[in-house]
PDB file of all heavy atoms in Angstrom:
ATOM      1  N   PRO A   1     -21.904 -17.610  -6.888  1.00  0.00           N
ATOM      2  CA  PRO A   1     -21.217 -18.794  -7.427  1.00  0.00           C
ATOM      3  C   PRO A   1     -19.703 -18.636  -7.522  1.00  0.00           C
ATOM      4  O   PRO A   1     -18.961 -19.587  -7.258  1.00  0.00           O
ATOM      5  CB  PRO A   1     -21.858 -18.957  -8.812  1.00  0.00           C
ATOM      6  CG  PRO A   1     -23.228 -18.363  -8.670  1.00  0.00           C
ATOM      7  CD  PRO A   1     -23.065 -17.214  -7.733  1.00  0.00           C
ATOM      8  N   ILE A   2     -19.209 -17.435  -7.868  1.00  0.00           N
ATOM      9  CA  ILE A   2     -17.760 -17.260  -7.993  1.00  0.00           C
ATOM     10  C   ILE A   2     -17.093 -17.362  -6.625  1.00  0.00           C
ATOM     11  O   ILE A   2     -15.984 -17.891  -6.507  1.00  0.00           O
ATOM     12  CB  ILE A   2     -17.435 -15.914  -8.689  1.00  0.00           C
ATOM     13  CG1 ILE A   2     -15.947 -15.847  -9.045  1.00  0.00           C
ATOM     14  CG2 ILE A   2     -17.834 -14.732  -7.818  1.00  0.00           C
ATOM     15  CD1 ILE A   2     -15.502 -16.811 -10.079  1.00  0.00           C
ATOM     16  N   VAL A   3     -17.752 -16.878  -5.584  1.00  0.00           N
ATOM     17  CA  VAL A   3     -17.196 -16.984  -4.227  1.00  0.00           C
ATOM     18  C   VAL A   3     -17.137 -18.439  -3.803  1.00  0.00           C
ATOM     19  O   VAL A   3     -16.106 -18.927  -3.308  1.00  0.00           O
ATOM     20  CB  VAL A   3     -18.027 -16.154  -3.233  1.00  0.00           C
ATOM     21  CG1 VAL A   3     -17.555 -16.389  -1.801  1.00  0.00           C
ATOM     22  CG2 VAL A   3     -17.953 -14.665  -3.580  1.00  0.00           C
ATOM     23  N   GLN A   4     -18.226 -19.145  -4.010  1.00  0.00           N
ATOM     24  CA  GLN A   4     -18.270 -20.543  -3.589  1.00  0.00           C
ATOM     25  C   GLN A   4     -17.275 -21.394  -4.377  1.00  0.00           C
ATOM     26  O   GLN A   4     -16.619 -22.285  -3.823  1.00  0.00           O
ATOM     27  CB  GLN A   4     -19.696 -21.074  -3.747  1.00  0.00           C
ATOM     28  CG  GLN A   4     -20.680 -20.376  -2.803  1.00  0.00           C
ATOM     29  CD  GLN A   4     -22.103 -20.871  -2.965  1.00  0.00           C
ATOM     30  OE1 GLN A   4     -22.471 -21.455  -3.979  1.00  0.00           O
ATOM     31  NE2 GLN A   4     -22.918 -20.630  -1.945  1.00  0.00           N
ATOM     32  N   ALA A   5     -17.144 -21.098  -5.683  1.00  0.00           N
ATOM     33  CA  ALA A   5     -16.190 -21.864  -6.500  1.00  0.00           C
ATOM     34  C   ALA A   5     -14.759 -21.631  -6.027  1.00  0.00           C
ATOM     35  O   ALA A   5     -13.969 -22.581  -5.907  1.00  0.00           O
ATOM     36  CB  ALA A   5     -16.338 -21.468  -7.970  1.00  0.00           C
ATOM     37  N   CYS A   6     -14.406 -20.377  -5.743  1.00  0.00           N
ATOM     38  CA  CYS A   6     -13.038 -20.074  -5.314  1.00  0.00           C
ATOM     39  C   CYS A   6     -12.751 -20.624  -3.916  1.00  0.00           C
ATOM     40  O   CYS A   6     -11.623 -21.048  -3.627  1.00  0.00           O
ATOM     41  CB  CYS A   6     -12.785 -18.573  -5.371  1.00  0.00           C
ATOM     42  SG  CYS A   6     -12.656 -17.930  -7.064  1.00  0.00           S
ATOM     43  N   GLU A   7     -13.756 -20.618  -3.046  1.00  0.00           N
ATOM     44  CA  GLU A   7     -13.569 -21.222  -1.727  1.00  0.00           C
ATOM     45  C   GLU A   7     -13.301 -22.717  -1.858  1.00  0.00           C
ATOM     46  O   GLU A   7     -12.420 -23.276  -1.181  1.00  0.00           O
ATOM     47  CB  GLU A   7     -14.788 -20.964  -0.853  1.00  0.00           C
ATOM     48  CG  GLU A   7     -14.906 -19.521  -0.377  1.00  0.00           C
ATOM     49  CD  GLU A   7     -16.129 -19.280   0.499  1.00  0.00           C
ATOM     50  OE1 GLU A   7     -17.095 -20.091   0.406  1.00  0.00           O
ATOM     51  OE2 GLU A   7     -16.133 -18.293   1.253  1.00  0.00           O
ATOM     52  N   THR A   8     -14.041 -23.383  -2.735  1.00  0.00           N
ATOM     53  CA  THR A   8     -13.852 -24.820  -2.935  1.00  0.00           C
ATOM     54  C   THR A   8     -12.474 -25.115  -3.519  1.00  0.00           C
ATOM     55  O   THR A   8     -11.775 -26.039  -3.075  1.00  0.00           O
ATOM     56  CB  THR A   8     -14.951 -25.370  -3.856  1.00  0.00           C
ATOM     57  OG1 THR A   8     -16.224 -25.166  -3.251  1.00  0.00           O
ATOM     58  CG2 THR A   8     -14.744 -26.857  -4.124  1.00  0.00           C
ATOM     59  N   LEU A   9     -12.058 -24.322  -4.513  1.00  0.00           N
ATOM     60  CA  LEU A   9     -10.799 -24.584  -5.208  1.00  0.00           C
ATOM     61  C   LEU A   9      -9.576 -24.266  -4.347  1.00  0.00           C
ATOM     62  O   LEU A   9      -8.523 -24.904  -4.493  1.00  0.00           O
ATOM     63  CB  LEU A   9     -10.743 -23.771  -6.512  1.00  0.00           C
ATOM     64  CG  LEU A   9     -11.671 -24.265  -7.630  1.00  0.00           C
ATOM     65  CD1 LEU A   9     -11.810 -23.216  -8.714  1.00  0.00           C
ATOM     66  CD2 LEU A   9     -11.156 -25.578  -8.226  1.00  0.00           C
ATOM     67  N   THR A  10      -9.685 -23.278  -3.461  1.00  0.00           N
ATOM     68  CA  THR A  10      -8.532 -22.891  -2.647  1.00  0.00           C
ATOM     69  C   THR A  10      -8.533 -23.532  -1.258  1.00  0.00           C
ATOM     70  O   THR A  10      -7.487 -23.625  -0.618  1.00  0.00           O
ATOM     71  CB  THR A  10      -8.471 -21.366  -2.456  1.00  0.00           C
ATOM     72  OG1 THR A  10      -9.623 -20.925  -1.715  1.00  0.00           O
ATOM     73  CG2 THR A  10      -8.412 -20.655  -3.799  1.00  0.00           C
ATOM     74  N   GLY A  11      -9.718 -23.921  -0.774  1.00  0.00           N
ATOM     75  CA  GLY A  11      -9.830 -24.442   0.583  1.00  0.00           C
ATOM     76  C   GLY A  11      -9.904 -23.368   1.650  1.00  0.00           C
ATOM     77  O   GLY A  11      -9.833 -23.673   2.843  1.00  0.00           O
ATOM     78  N   TYR A  12     -10.077 -22.098   1.252  1.00  0.00           N
ATOM     79  CA  TYR A  12     -10.163 -20.990   2.210  1.00  0.00           C
ATOM     80  C   TYR A  12     -11.511 -20.293   2.099  1.00  0.00           C
ATOM     81  O   TYR A  12     -12.059 -20.133   0.997  1.00  0.00           O
ATOM     82  CB  TYR A  12      -9.059 -19.953   1.942  1.00  0.00           C
ATOM     83  CG  TYR A  12      -7.657 -20.439   2.180  1.00  0.00           C
ATOM     84  CD1 TYR A  12      -6.767 -20.594   1.109  1.00  0.00           C
ATOM     85  CD2 TYR A  12      -7.208 -20.733   3.460  1.00  0.00           C
ATOM     86  CE1 TYR A  12      -5.458 -21.028   1.316  1.00  0.00           C
ATOM     87  CE2 TYR A  12      -5.899 -21.169   3.677  1.00  0.00           C
ATOM     88  CZ  TYR A  12      -5.043 -21.317   2.600  1.00  0.00           C
ATOM     89  OH  TYR A  12      -3.763 -21.749   2.813  1.00  0.00           O
ATOM     90  N   ARG A  13     -12.024 -19.825   3.238  1.00  0.00           N
ATOM     91  CA  ARG A  13     -13.214 -18.988   3.239  1.00  0.00           C
ATOM     92  C   ARG A  13     -12.847 -17.591   2.740  1.00  0.00           C
ATOM     93  O   ARG A  13     -11.769 -17.068   3.012  1.00  0.00           O
ATOM     94  CB  ARG A  13     -13.805 -18.862   4.654  1.00  0.00           C
ATOM     95  CG  ARG A  13     -14.473 -20.128   5.170  1.00  0.00           C
ATOM     96  CD  ARG A  13     -15.731 -20.478   4.361  1.00  0.00           C
ATOM     97  NE  ARG A  13     -16.691 -19.397   4.337  1.00  0.00           N
ATOM     98  CZ  ARG A  13     -17.628 -19.202   5.264  1.00  0.00           C
ATOM     99  NH1 ARG A  13     -17.714 -20.016   6.301  1.00  0.00           N
ATOM    100  NH2 ARG A  13     -18.488 -18.202   5.152  1.00  0.00           N
ATOM    101  N   ALA A  14     -13.768 -16.962   2.031  1.00  0.00           N
ATOM    102  CA  ALA A  14     -13.535 -15.614   1.518  1.00  0.00           C
ATOM    103  C   ALA A  14     -13.447 -14.613   2.667  1.00  0.00           C
ATOM    104  O   ALA A  14     -14.176 -14.717   3.659  1.00  0.00           O
ATOM    105  CB  ALA A  14     -14.649 -15.215   0.550  1.00  0.00           C
ATOM    106  N   GLU A  15     -12.547 -13.650   2.533  1.00  0.00           N
ATOM    107  CA  GLU A  15     -12.232 -12.707   3.594  1.00  0.00           C
ATOM    108  C   GLU A  15     -12.438 -11.267   3.127  1.00  0.00           C
ATOM    109  O   GLU A  15     -12.925 -11.017   2.024  1.00  0.00           O
ATOM    110  CB  GLU A  15     -10.766 -12.912   4.035  1.00  0.00           C
ATOM    111  CG  GLU A  15     -10.440 -14.330   4.497  1.00  0.00           C
ATOM    112  CD  GLU A  15      -8.945 -14.519   4.726  1.00  0.00           C
ATOM    113  OE1 GLU A  15      -8.181 -13.533   4.539  1.00  0.00           O
ATOM    114  OE2 GLU A  15      -8.546 -15.642   5.087  1.00  0.00           O
ATOM    115  N   ALA A  16     -12.016 -10.329   4.008  1.00  0.00           N
ATOM    116  CA  ALA A  16     -12.049  -8.903   3.707  1.00  0.00           C
ATOM    117  C   ALA A  16     -10.639  -8.338   3.846  1.00  0.00           C
ATOM    118  O   ALA A  16      -9.842  -8.822   4.662  1.00  0.00           O
ATOM    119  CB  ALA A  16     -12.991  -8.175   4.663  1.00  0.00           C
ATOM    120  N   VAL A  17     -10.311  -7.308   3.043  1.00  0.00           N
ATOM    121  CA  VAL A  17      -9.008  -6.647   3.140  1.00  0.00           C
ATOM    122  C   VAL A  17      -9.205  -5.132   3.151  1.00  0.00           C
ATOM    123  O   VAL A  17     -10.269  -4.614   2.804  1.00  0.00           O
ATOM    124  CB  VAL A  17      -8.077  -7.027   1.969  1.00  0.00           C
ATOM    125  CG1 VAL A  17      -7.680  -8.487   2.055  1.00  0.00           C
ATOM    126  CG2 VAL A  17      -8.715  -6.705   0.624  1.00  0.00           C
ATOM    127  N   ALA A  18      -8.134  -4.431   3.543  1.00  0.00           N
ATOM    128  CA  ALA A  18      -8.208  -2.973   3.643  1.00  0.00           C
ATOM    129  C   ALA A  18      -7.859  -2.284   2.333  1.00  0.00           C
ATOM    130  O   ALA A  18      -8.319  -1.168   2.080  1.00  0.00           O
ATOM    131  CB  ALA A  18      -7.273  -2.482   4.751  1.00  0.00           C
ATOM    132  N   PHE A  19      -7.034  -2.923   1.474  1.00  0.00           N
ATOM    133  CA  PHE A  19      -6.611  -2.221   0.255  1.00  0.00           C
ATOM    134  C   PHE A  19      -7.713  -2.255  -0.802  1.00  0.00           C
ATOM    135  O   PHE A  19      -8.568  -3.139  -0.804  1.00  0.00           O
ATOM    136  CB  PHE A  19      -5.300  -2.793  -0.293  1.00  0.00           C
ATOM    137  CG  PHE A  19      -5.338  -4.258  -0.673  1.00  0.00           C
ATOM    138  CD1 PHE A  19      -5.811  -4.668  -1.899  1.00  0.00           C
ATOM    139  CD2 PHE A  19      -4.872  -5.228   0.204  1.00  0.00           C
ATOM    140  CE1 PHE A  19      -5.826  -6.015  -2.263  1.00  0.00           C
ATOM    141  CE2 PHE A  19      -4.869  -6.576  -0.136  1.00  0.00           C
ATOM    142  CZ  PHE A  19      -5.353  -6.967  -1.370  1.00  0.00           C
ATOM    143  N   ALA A  20      -7.680  -1.265  -1.697  1.00  0.00           N
ATOM    144  CA  ALA A  20      -8.713  -1.125  -2.722  1.00  0.00           C
ATOM    145  C   ALA A  20      -8.268  -1.763  -4.031  1.00  0.00           C
ATOM    146  O   ALA A  20      -7.074  -1.896  -4.315  1.00  0.00           O
ATOM    147  CB  ALA A  20      -9.031   0.353  -2.948  1.00  0.00           C
ATOM    148  N   THR A  21      -9.254  -2.183  -4.843  1.00  0.00           N
ATOM    149  CA  THR A  21      -8.994  -2.823  -6.135  1.00  0.00           C
ATOM    150  C   THR A  21     -10.004  -2.314  -7.168  1.00  0.00           C
ATOM    151  O   THR A  21     -10.830  -1.452  -6.882  1.00  0.00           O
ATOM    152  CB  THR A  21      -9.140  -4.353  -6.034  1.00  0.00           C
ATOM    153  OG1 THR A  21     -10.542  -4.691  -5.962  1.00  0.00           O
ATOM    154  CG2 THR A  21      -8.410  -4.919  -4.810  1.00  0.00           C
ATOM    155  N   GLU A  22      -9.939  -2.904  -8.351  1.00  0.00           N
ATOM    156  CA  GLU A  22     -10.892  -2.573  -9.409  1.00  0.00           C
ATOM    157  C   GLU A  22     -12.200  -3.363  -9.262  1.00  0.00           C
ATOM    158  O   GLU A  22     -13.093  -3.243 -10.096  1.00  0.00           O
ATOM    159  CB  GLU A  22     -10.257  -2.864 -10.776  1.00  0.00           C
ATOM    160  CG  GLU A  22      -9.059  -1.981 -11.080  1.00  0.00           C
ATOM    161  CD  GLU A  22      -8.289  -2.409 -12.319  1.00  0.00           C
ATOM    162  OE1 GLU A  22      -8.092  -3.616 -12.512  1.00  0.00           O
ATOM    163  OE2 GLU A  22      -7.879  -1.515 -13.086  1.00  0.00           O
ATOM    164  N   GLY A  23     -12.327  -4.139  -8.180  1.00  0.00           N
ATOM    165  CA  GLY A  23     -13.509  -4.972  -7.982  1.00  0.00           C
ATOM    166  C   GLY A  23     -14.840  -4.241  -8.089  1.00  0.00           C
ATOM    167  O   GLY A  23     -15.764  -4.732  -8.754  1.00  0.00           O
ATOM    168  N   PRO A  24     -15.010  -3.081  -7.436  1.00  0.00           N
ATOM    169  CA  PRO A  24     -16.318  -2.418  -7.514  1.00  0.00           C
ATOM    170  C   PRO A  24     -16.719  -2.030  -8.925  1.00  0.00           C
ATOM    171  O   PRO A  24     -17.912  -2.005  -9.252  1.00  0.00           O
ATOM    172  CB  PRO A  24     -16.163  -1.184  -6.617  1.00  0.00           C
ATOM    173  CG  PRO A  24     -14.704  -0.998  -6.424  1.00  0.00           C
ATOM    174  CD  PRO A  24     -14.104  -2.372  -6.521  1.00  0.00           C
ATOM    175  N   TYR A  25     -15.751  -1.751  -9.796  1.00  0.00           N
ATOM    176  CA  TYR A  25     -16.082  -1.366 -11.167  1.00  0.00           C
ATOM    177  C   TYR A  25     -16.591  -2.570 -11.960  1.00  0.00           C
ATOM    178  O   TYR A  25     -17.519  -2.448 -12.772  1.00  0.00           O
ATOM    179  CB  TYR A  25     -14.867  -0.727 -11.843  1.00  0.00           C
ATOM    180  CG  TYR A  25     -14.375   0.490 -11.101  1.00  0.00           C
ATOM    181  CD1 TYR A  25     -13.261   0.421 -10.270  1.00  0.00           C
ATOM    182  CD2 TYR A  25     -15.044   1.700 -11.199  1.00  0.00           C
ATOM    183  CE1 TYR A  25     -12.825   1.533  -9.571  1.00  0.00           C
ATOM    184  CE2 TYR A  25     -14.612   2.819 -10.505  1.00  0.00           C
ATOM    185  CZ  TYR A  25     -13.505   2.727  -9.689  1.00  0.00           C
ATOM    186  OH  TYR A  25     -13.082   3.818  -8.986  1.00  0.00           O
ATOM    187  N   LEU A  26     -15.999  -3.741 -11.737  1.00  0.00           N
ATOM    188  CA  LEU A  26     -16.512  -4.936 -12.415  1.00  0.00           C
ATOM    189  C   LEU A  26     -17.879  -5.316 -11.864  1.00  0.00           C
ATOM    190  O   LEU A  26     -18.746  -5.789 -12.605  1.00  0.00           O
ATOM    191  CB  LEU A  26     -15.520  -6.092 -12.271  1.00  0.00           C
ATOM    192  CG  LEU A  26     -14.158  -5.906 -12.934  1.00  0.00           C
ATOM    193  CD1 LEU A  26     -13.374  -7.214 -12.936  1.00  0.00           C
ATOM    194  CD2 LEU A  26     -14.291  -5.380 -14.352  1.00  0.00           C
ATOM    195  N   ASN A  27     -18.086  -5.116 -10.564  1.00  0.00           N
ATOM    196  CA  ASN A  27     -19.422  -5.351 -10.013  1.00  0.00           C
ATOM    197  C   ASN A  27     -20.449  -4.444 -10.679  1.00  0.00           C
ATOM    198  O   ASN A  27     -21.592  -4.852 -10.944  1.00  0.00           O
ATOM    199  CB  ASN A  27     -19.428  -5.127  -8.497  1.00  0.00           C
ATOM    200  CG  ASN A  27     -19.011  -6.377  -7.724  1.00  0.00           C
ATOM    201  OD1 ASN A  27     -18.700  -7.405  -8.317  1.00  0.00           O
ATOM    202  ND2 ASN A  27     -19.009  -6.281  -6.409  1.00  0.00           N
ATOM    203  N   GLN A  28     -20.072  -3.198 -10.945  1.00  0.00           N
ATOM    204  CA  GLN A  28     -20.988  -2.267 -11.609  1.00  0.00           C
ATOM    205  C   GLN A  28     -21.362  -2.741 -13.011  1.00  0.00           C
ATOM    206  O   GLN A  28     -22.422  -2.393 -13.531  1.00  0.00           O
ATOM    207  CB  GLN A  28     -20.366  -0.870 -11.687  1.00  0.00           C
ATOM    208  CG  GLN A  28     -20.278  -0.143 -10.351  1.00  0.00           C
ATOM    209  CD  GLN A  28     -19.524   1.169 -10.455  1.00  0.00           C
ATOM    210  OE1 GLN A  28     -19.550   1.835 -11.483  1.00  0.00           O
ATOM    211  NE2 GLN A  28     -18.839   1.540  -9.383  1.00  0.00           N
ATOM    212  N   LEU A  29     -20.474  -3.533 -13.631  1.00  0.00           N
ATOM    213  CA  LEU A  29     -20.771  -4.092 -14.947  1.00  0.00           C
ATOM    214  C   LEU A  29     -21.662  -5.327 -14.866  1.00  0.00           C
ATOM    215  O   LEU A  29     -21.998  -5.913 -15.892  1.00  0.00           O
ATOM    216  CB  LEU A  29     -19.466  -4.463 -15.653  1.00  0.00           C
ATOM    217  CG  LEU A  29     -18.664  -3.292 -16.218  1.00  0.00           C
ATOM    218  CD1 LEU A  29     -17.254  -3.723 -16.544  1.00  0.00           C
ATOM    219  CD2 LEU A  29     -19.341  -2.735 -17.455  1.00  0.00           C
ATOM    220  N   GLY A  30     -22.028  -5.732 -13.666  1.00  0.00           N
ATOM    221  CA  GLY A  30     -22.909  -6.880 -13.508  1.00  0.00           C
ATOM    222  C   GLY A  30     -22.185  -8.188 -13.286  1.00  0.00           C
ATOM    223  O   GLY A  30     -22.819  -9.248 -13.279  1.00  0.00           O
ATOM    224  N   ALA A  31     -20.870  -8.148 -13.109  1.00  0.00           N
ATOM    225  CA  ALA A  31     -20.107  -9.373 -12.864  1.00  0.00           C
ATOM    226  C   ALA A  31     -19.869  -9.533 -11.368  1.00  0.00           C
ATOM    227  O   ALA A  31     -19.296  -8.652 -10.730  1.00  0.00           O
ATOM    228  CB  ALA A  31     -18.770  -9.321 -13.606  1.00  0.00           C
ATOM    229  N   GLN A  32     -20.334 -10.646 -10.808  1.00  0.00           N
ATOM    230  CA  GLN A  32     -20.007 -10.928  -9.406  1.00  0.00           C
ATOM    231  C   GLN A  32     -18.510 -11.207  -9.332  1.00  0.00           C
ATOM    232  O   GLN A  32     -18.000 -12.101 -10.001  1.00  0.00           O
ATOM    233  CB  GLN A  32     -20.826 -12.115  -8.913  1.00  0.00           C
ATOM    234  CG  GLN A  32     -22.316 -11.825  -8.855  1.00  0.00           C
ATOM    235  CD  GLN A  32     -23.110 -13.028  -8.395  1.00  0.00           C
ATOM    236  OE1 GLN A  32     -22.768 -14.168  -8.717  1.00  0.00           O
ATOM    237  NE2 GLN A  32     -24.176 -12.783  -7.645  1.00  0.00           N
ATOM    238  N   THR A  33     -17.820 -10.433  -8.508  1.00  0.00           N
ATOM    239  CA  THR A  33     -16.365 -10.356  -8.587  1.00  0.00           C
ATOM    240  C   THR A  33     -15.710 -10.824  -7.305  1.00  0.00           C
ATOM    241  O   THR A  33     -16.200 -10.558  -6.209  1.00  0.00           O
ATOM    242  CB  THR A  33     -15.944  -8.910  -8.902  1.00  0.00           C
ATOM    243  OG1 THR A  33     -16.587  -8.481 -10.113  1.00  0.00           O
ATOM    244  CG2 THR A  33     -14.435  -8.796  -9.075  1.00  0.00           C
ATOM    245  N   LEU A  34     -14.572 -11.492  -7.466  1.00  0.00           N
ATOM    246  CA  LEU A  34     -13.763 -11.937  -6.336  1.00  0.00           C
ATOM    247  C   LEU A  34     -12.319 -11.526  -6.605  1.00  0.00           C
ATOM    248  O   LEU A  34     -11.874 -11.514  -7.756  1.00  0.00           O
ATOM    249  CB  LEU A  34     -13.846 -13.453  -6.179  1.00  0.00           C
ATOM    250  CG  LEU A  34     -13.307 -13.961  -4.840  1.00  0.00           C
ATOM    251  CD1 LEU A  34     -14.450 -14.075  -3.830  1.00  0.00           C
ATOM    252  CD2 LEU A  34     -12.635 -15.301  -4.995  1.00  0.00           C
ATOM    253  N   ILE A  35     -11.582 -11.213  -5.540  1.00  0.00           N
ATOM    254  CA  ILE A  35     -10.164 -10.879  -5.659  1.00  0.00           C
ATOM    255  C   ILE A  35      -9.357 -12.098  -5.214  1.00  0.00           C
ATOM    256  O   ILE A  35      -9.539 -12.597  -4.109  1.00  0.00           O
ATOM    257  CB  ILE A  35      -9.800  -9.656  -4.787  1.00  0.00           C
ATOM    258  CG1 ILE A  35     -10.873  -8.571  -4.883  1.00  0.00           C
ATOM    259  CG2 ILE A  35      -8.424  -9.129  -5.166  1.00  0.00           C
ATOM    260  CD1 ILE A  35     -11.137  -8.050  -6.261  1.00  0.00           C
ATOM    261  N   LEU A  36      -8.473 -12.595  -6.081  1.00  0.00           N
ATOM    262  CA  LEU A  36      -7.731 -13.822  -5.776  1.00  0.00           C
ATOM    263  C   LEU A  36      -6.491 -13.880  -6.660  1.00  0.00           C
ATOM    264  O   LEU A  36      -6.598 -13.946  -7.883  1.00  0.00           O
ATOM    265  CB  LEU A  36      -8.607 -15.053  -6.039  1.00  0.00           C
ATOM    266  CG  LEU A  36      -7.946 -16.411  -5.845  1.00  0.00           C
ATOM    267  CD1 LEU A  36      -7.633 -16.664  -4.383  1.00  0.00           C
ATOM    268  CD2 LEU A  36      -8.839 -17.530  -6.386  1.00  0.00           C
ATOM    269  N   GLY A  37      -5.316 -13.829  -6.036  1.00  0.00           N
ATOM    270  CA  GLY A  37      -4.099 -13.894  -6.827  1.00  0.00           C
ATOM    271  C   GLY A  37      -2.947 -14.493  -6.054  1.00  0.00           C
ATOM    272  O   GLY A  37      -2.994 -14.632  -4.822  1.00  0.00           O
ATOM    273  N   PRO A  38      -1.855 -14.850  -6.754  1.00  0.00           N
ATOM    274  CA  PRO A  38      -0.778 -15.634  -6.144  1.00  0.00           C
ATOM    275  C   PRO A  38       0.200 -14.837  -5.301  1.00  0.00           C
ATOM    276  O   PRO A  38       0.915 -15.407  -4.477  1.00  0.00           O
ATOM    277  CB  PRO A  38      -0.058 -16.233  -7.355  1.00  0.00           C
ATOM    278  CG  PRO A  38      -0.301 -15.241  -8.457  1.00  0.00           C
ATOM    279  CD  PRO A  38      -1.682 -14.706  -8.211  1.00  0.00           C
ATOM    280  N   GLY A  39       0.293 -13.530  -5.495  1.00  0.00           N
ATOM    281  CA  GLY A  39       1.258 -12.743  -4.748  1.00  0.00           C
ATOM    282  C   GLY A  39       0.814 -12.477  -3.323  1.00  0.00           C
ATOM    283  O   GLY A  39      -0.289 -12.829  -2.908  1.00  0.00           O
ATOM    284  N   ASP A  40       1.690 -11.845  -2.551  1.00  0.00           N
ATOM    285  CA  ASP A  40       1.372 -11.411  -1.194  1.00  0.00           C
ATOM    286  C   ASP A  40       1.449  -9.895  -1.145  1.00  0.00           C
ATOM    287  O   ASP A  40       2.416  -9.303  -1.639  1.00  0.00           O
ATOM    288  CB  ASP A  40       2.359 -12.005  -0.181  1.00  0.00           C
ATOM    289  CG  ASP A  40       2.137 -13.494   0.017  1.00  0.00           C
ATOM    290  OD1 ASP A  40       0.992 -13.894   0.271  1.00  0.00           O
ATOM    291  OD2 ASP A  40       3.110 -14.261  -0.108  1.00  0.00           O
ATOM    292  N   ILE A  41       0.466  -9.261  -0.513  1.00  0.00           N
ATOM    293  CA  ILE A  41       0.420  -7.804  -0.477  1.00  0.00           C
ATOM    294  C   ILE A  41       1.653  -7.238   0.231  1.00  0.00           C
ATOM    295  O   ILE A  41       2.074  -6.108  -0.048  1.00  0.00           O
ATOM    296  CB  ILE A  41      -0.890  -7.323   0.195  1.00  0.00           C
ATOM    297  CG1 ILE A  41      -1.150  -5.843  -0.125  1.00  0.00           C
ATOM    298  CG2 ILE A  41      -0.875  -7.592   1.677  1.00  0.00           C
ATOM    299  CD1 ILE A  41      -1.397  -5.532  -1.564  1.00  0.00           C
TER     300      ILE A  41
END
């Protein structure tokens, strides 16, 4: 649901990136996680 909601709100399909984040740790807590922010890498 979080992926589909963010795709709808941004108008972009979810992608993959090479850099690492804290995402896997939040997934381990049971939260389906998405990376989405205003800056540019």
